[in-house]
Amino acid sequence: MTDWSFPDPPNLAVITTSTVVNGDDWIAFVSHDAEDGGWQFLNSESGPRNAADGRVVGLGEIVQLDASIMELADLPLGWHAWRDSSGSPWKRAKTTA
């Protein structure tokens, strides 16, 4: 990865689902958590079906799975992004409690 735009390193642990990692589903929702700066990359089913479906992977692995994630490198803490389909543009909003 030569053009790394994230302020976090590629080996930062992030949360996703087994269906995203396995390529069975696409990333539909991204959260950059205000509390701890953590990232979540959830599928079109709005996250893990159960705890066993959750996965912890490196941020770089997520970018390798979906290069459009690089568009969200500047997503502020406490914000989220979503899209309607795997080819749709990302939309952003501040997360409210």
C-alpha atoms as a PDB file:
ATOM      1  CA  MET A   1       0.000   0.000   0.000  1.00  0.00           C
ATOM      2  CA  THR A   2       1.874   3.024  -1.219  1.00  0.00           C
ATOM      3  CA  ASP A   3      -0.820   5.707  -0.820  1.00  0.00           C
ATOM      4  CA  TRP A   4      -1.964   5.131   2.751  1.00  0.00           C
ATOM      5  CA  SER A   5      -4.266   8.029   3.748  1.00  0.00           C
ATOM      6  CA  PHE A   6      -5.509   6.817   7.122  1.00  0.00           C
ATOM      7  CA  PRO A   7      -3.995   8.393  10.234  1.00  0.00           C
ATOM      8  CA  ASP A   8      -4.123   4.885  11.735  1.00  0.00           C
ATOM      9  CA  PRO A   9      -1.605   2.215  10.666  1.00  0.00           C
ATOM     10  CA  PRO A  10      -2.589  -0.659   8.345  1.00  0.00           C
ATOM     11  CA  ASN A  11      -2.173  -3.147  11.198  1.00  0.00           C
ATOM     12  CA  LEU A  12      -4.735  -1.386  13.436  1.00  0.00           C
ATOM     13  CA  ALA A  13      -7.261  -3.966  14.675  1.00  0.00           C
ATOM     14  CA  VAL A  14     -10.786  -3.220  13.396  1.00  0.00           C
ATOM     15  CA  ILE A  15     -14.128  -4.982  13.677  1.00  0.00           C
ATOM     16  CA  THR A  16     -15.976  -6.559  10.767  1.00  0.00           C
ATOM     17  CA  THR A  17     -18.024  -9.679   9.999  1.00  0.00           C
ATOM     18  CA  SER A  18     -17.131 -13.101   8.672  1.00  0.00           C
ATOM     19  CA  THR A  19     -19.249 -12.485   5.569  1.00  0.00           C
ATOM     20  CA  VAL A  20     -17.163  -9.412   4.683  1.00  0.00           C
ATOM     21  CA  VAL A  21     -13.873 -11.243   5.296  1.00  0.00           C
ATOM     22  CA  ASN A  22     -15.024 -14.244   3.252  1.00  0.00           C
ATOM     23  CA  GLY A  23     -16.232 -12.039   0.388  1.00  0.00           C
ATOM     24  CA  ASP A  24     -19.830 -13.183   0.798  1.00  0.00           C
ATOM     25  CA  ASP A  25     -21.119  -9.665   1.530  1.00  0.00           C
ATOM     26  CA  TRP A  26     -20.041  -6.060   0.981  1.00  0.00           C
ATOM     27  CA  ILE A  27     -19.287  -3.275   3.445  1.00  0.00           C
ATOM     28  CA  ALA A  28     -22.418  -1.154   3.829  1.00  0.00           C
ATOM     29  CA  PHE A  29     -21.729   0.742   7.064  1.00  0.00           C
ATOM     30  CA  VAL A  30     -18.550   2.172   8.587  1.00  0.00           C
ATOM     31  CA  SER A  31     -18.270   3.653  12.058  1.00  0.00           C
ATOM     32  CA  HIS A  32     -15.348   5.644  13.502  1.00  0.00           C
ATOM     33  CA  ASP A  33     -16.139   5.487  17.193  1.00  0.00           C
ATOM     34  CA  ALA A  34     -15.751   8.627  19.303  1.00  0.00           C
ATOM     35  CA  GLU A  35     -15.103   6.741  22.549  1.00  0.00           C
ATOM     36  CA  ASP A  36     -11.999   4.832  21.519  1.00  0.00           C
ATOM     37  CA  GLY A  37     -11.216   5.747  17.901  1.00  0.00           C
ATOM     38  CA  GLY A  38     -12.122   2.222  16.834  1.00  0.00           C
ATOM     39  CA  TRP A  39     -13.365   1.376  13.372  1.00  0.00           C
ATOM     40  CA  GLN A  40     -16.230  -0.955  12.470  1.00  0.00           C
ATOM     41  CA  PHE A  41     -16.871  -2.201   8.933  1.00  0.00           C
ATOM     42  CA  LEU A  42     -20.274  -3.846   8.839  1.00  0.00           C
ATOM     43  CA  ASN A  43     -22.077  -5.735   6.125  1.00  0.00           C
ATOM     44  CA  SER A  44     -25.424  -5.108   4.460  1.00  0.00           C
ATOM     45  CA  GLU A  45     -27.142  -7.007   7.289  1.00  0.00           C
ATOM     46  CA  SER A  46     -26.068  -4.281   9.761  1.00  0.00           C
ATOM     47  CA  GLY A  47     -23.432  -6.248  11.564  1.00  0.00           C
ATOM     48  CA  PRO A  48     -22.774  -9.666  12.994  1.00  0.00           C
ATOM     49  CA  ARG A  49     -25.734 -12.003  13.360  1.00  0.00           C
ATOM     50  CA  ASN A  50     -24.151 -13.240  16.580  1.00  0.00           C
ATOM     51  CA  ALA A  51     -20.863 -12.905  18.448  1.00  0.00           C
ATOM     52  CA  ALA A  52     -19.340 -15.811  16.507  1.00  0.00           C
ATOM     53  CA  ASP A  53     -19.890 -13.890  13.235  1.00  0.00           C
ATOM     54  CA  GLY A  54     -17.687 -10.966  14.341  1.00  0.00           C
ATOM     55  CA  ARG A  55     -14.069 -10.759  13.181  1.00  0.00           C
ATOM     56  CA  VAL A  56     -11.064  -8.651  14.151  1.00  0.00           C
ATOM     57  CA  VAL A  57      -8.752  -7.929  11.222  1.00  0.00           C
ATOM     58  CA  GLY A  58      -6.212  -5.292  10.261  1.00  0.00           C
ATOM     59  CA  LEU A  59      -7.367  -2.027   8.700  1.00  0.00           C
ATOM     60  CA  GLY A  60      -5.103  -2.774   5.742  1.00  0.00           C
ATOM     61  CA  GLU A  61      -6.948  -6.045   5.125  1.00  0.00           C
ATOM     62  CA  ILE A  62     -10.240  -4.140   4.944  1.00  0.00           C
ATOM     63  CA  VAL A  63      -8.753  -1.750   2.363  1.00  0.00           C
ATOM     64  CA  GLN A  64      -7.525  -4.724   0.339  1.00  0.00           C
ATOM     65  CA  LEU A  65     -11.044  -6.186   0.384  1.00  0.00           C
ATOM     66  CA  ASP A  66     -12.646  -2.883  -0.694  1.00  0.00           C
ATOM     67  CA  ALA A  67     -10.464  -0.062  -2.022  1.00  0.00           C
ATOM     68  CA  SER A  68     -13.349   2.444  -1.732  1.00  0.00           C
ATOM     69  CA  ILE A  69     -12.719   2.428   2.033  1.00  0.00           C
ATOM     70  CA  MET A  70      -9.777   4.761   1.340  1.00  0.00           C
ATOM     71  CA  GLU A  71     -12.395   7.462   0.617  1.00  0.00           C
ATOM     72  CA  LEU A  72     -13.265   7.316   4.331  1.00  0.00           C
ATOM     73  CA  ALA A  73      -9.730   7.819   5.668  1.00  0.00           C
ATOM     74  CA  ASP A  74     -10.677  11.322   6.835  1.00  0.00           C
ATOM     75  CA  LEU A  75     -13.930  10.221   8.548  1.00  0.00           C
ATOM     76  CA  PRO A  76     -13.860  12.124  11.864  1.00  0.00           C
ATOM     77  CA  LEU A  77     -14.158  10.459  15.246  1.00  0.00           C
ATOM     78  CA  GLY A  78     -17.823  10.098  16.136  1.00  0.00           C
ATOM     79  CA  TRP A  79     -19.001   9.883  12.518  1.00  0.00           C
ATOM     80  CA  HIS A  80     -20.292   7.064  10.346  1.00  0.00           C
ATOM     81  CA  ALA A  81     -20.691   6.395   6.641  1.00  0.00           C
ATOM     82  CA  TRP A  82     -23.064   4.196   4.678  1.00  0.00           C
ATOM     83  CA  ARG A  83     -24.030   3.299   1.130  1.00  0.00           C
ATOM     84  CA  ASP A  84     -27.006   1.664  -0.523  1.00  0.00           C
ATOM     85  CA  SER A  85     -25.061  -0.840  -2.638  1.00  0.00           C
ATOM     86  CA  SER A  86     -21.469  -1.919  -3.109  1.00  0.00           C
ATOM     87  CA  GLY A  87     -21.058   0.511  -6.021  1.00  0.00           C
ATOM     88  CA  SER A  88     -22.903   3.456  -4.487  1.00  0.00           C
ATOM     89  CA  PRO A  89     -21.099   6.554  -3.222  1.00  0.00           C
ATOM     90  CA  TRP A  90     -20.464   6.844   0.499  1.00  0.00           C
ATOM     91  CA  LYS A  91     -22.703   9.145   2.552  1.00  0.00           C
ATOM     92  CA  ARG A  92     -21.524  10.572   5.879  1.00  0.00           C
ATOM     93  CA  ALA A  93     -23.128  11.864   9.070  1.00  0.00           C
ATOM     94  CA  LYS A  94     -22.220  12.614  12.649  1.00  0.00           C
ATOM     95  CA  THR A  95     -23.278   9.802  14.952  1.00  0.00           C
ATOM     96  CA  THR A  96     -25.800  10.884  17.574  1.00  0.00           C
ATOM     97  CA  ALA A  97     -26.317   9.161  20.894  1.00  0.00           C
END
